[in-house]
Amino acid sequence: MTLTEVLALITFLSTVPLVVLGFAKLRDLPAESAVDNDLKAWIIVPLALALGAGAVIRHEEMAREPKRFEAPAEHGHEAADHGDDKATAPHAEESTAEADAPAAEAAATEVAPAEGETGDKAATEAVAAAEPAAAALDGKALYETHCAACHQPTGQGVPGAFPPIAGSEYANGPADTQIKIVLKGLSGPIKVKGVTYNGQMMAFADRLTDDQIAAIITHERTSWGNSGGAVTASDVKKLR
């Protein structure tokens, strides 16, 4: 509180009793008597001082805290702003929807395949389901389980007993001959890399599936420097 406000407040508080006292004297006068000048002074002067002090206090408060007296106007502006926001909201939503429409169409175009592509994909999946690739099986593991005891894990065979597969003309030539040997077995002499072997090999047609045989032969034809290439279960099935 400023010094001016303090003085105005003291003046206001000191004049109020004088005003009250003046009105009390006025009430006690007889009805027919006139109001003298002294009584007028008891009422008018203190009342004027009280009103002046109140005006000073009000002015000081407004000068010190103008925002408190401007609050209603600000609330009015805020309400108007909210009204503008509500009015523009539908336009913003429409703009957002228009902006999202091309993106949605592009996404739908990317997701939906062409009719021709759908047919090709279905055909490919049908073939894959009917004929799993030999690579889906571990040809090396199958070879080590069923073949490595005789032909050795390195494919070098056992000299004089079991022919090698590494560098063999059978593993690097047409696949049909090698497939038939694995399916039906072999008995009697066979020449491999210039060396004749006369032994016996069991048939695997009743022991392994087309996929397993294809995986084993593919491993043999693509390992140890061989370049015969892979075979499929269909290749095996045709010669079974």
Foldseek 3Di string as FASTA:
>chain_A
DDPLLVVLVVLLVVLVVLQVVLVVVVVPDDPPDDDDPVSVCSHPVSVVSNVVSVVSNVVVVCVVCVCVVCVVVVVVVVVVVVVVCVVCVVVVVVVVVVVCVVVVVVVVVVVDDDPVVVVVVVVVVVVCVVWPWLVVDQLLVLCVVQPCVACNSLQCGDPQAGHGLQVWPCLQDDVLVVLCCQAQWDAAWDATPRDIHGHTGHHCNVPDALSNSQNNSQCSQPPNPHPNHGDTSVSNVVND
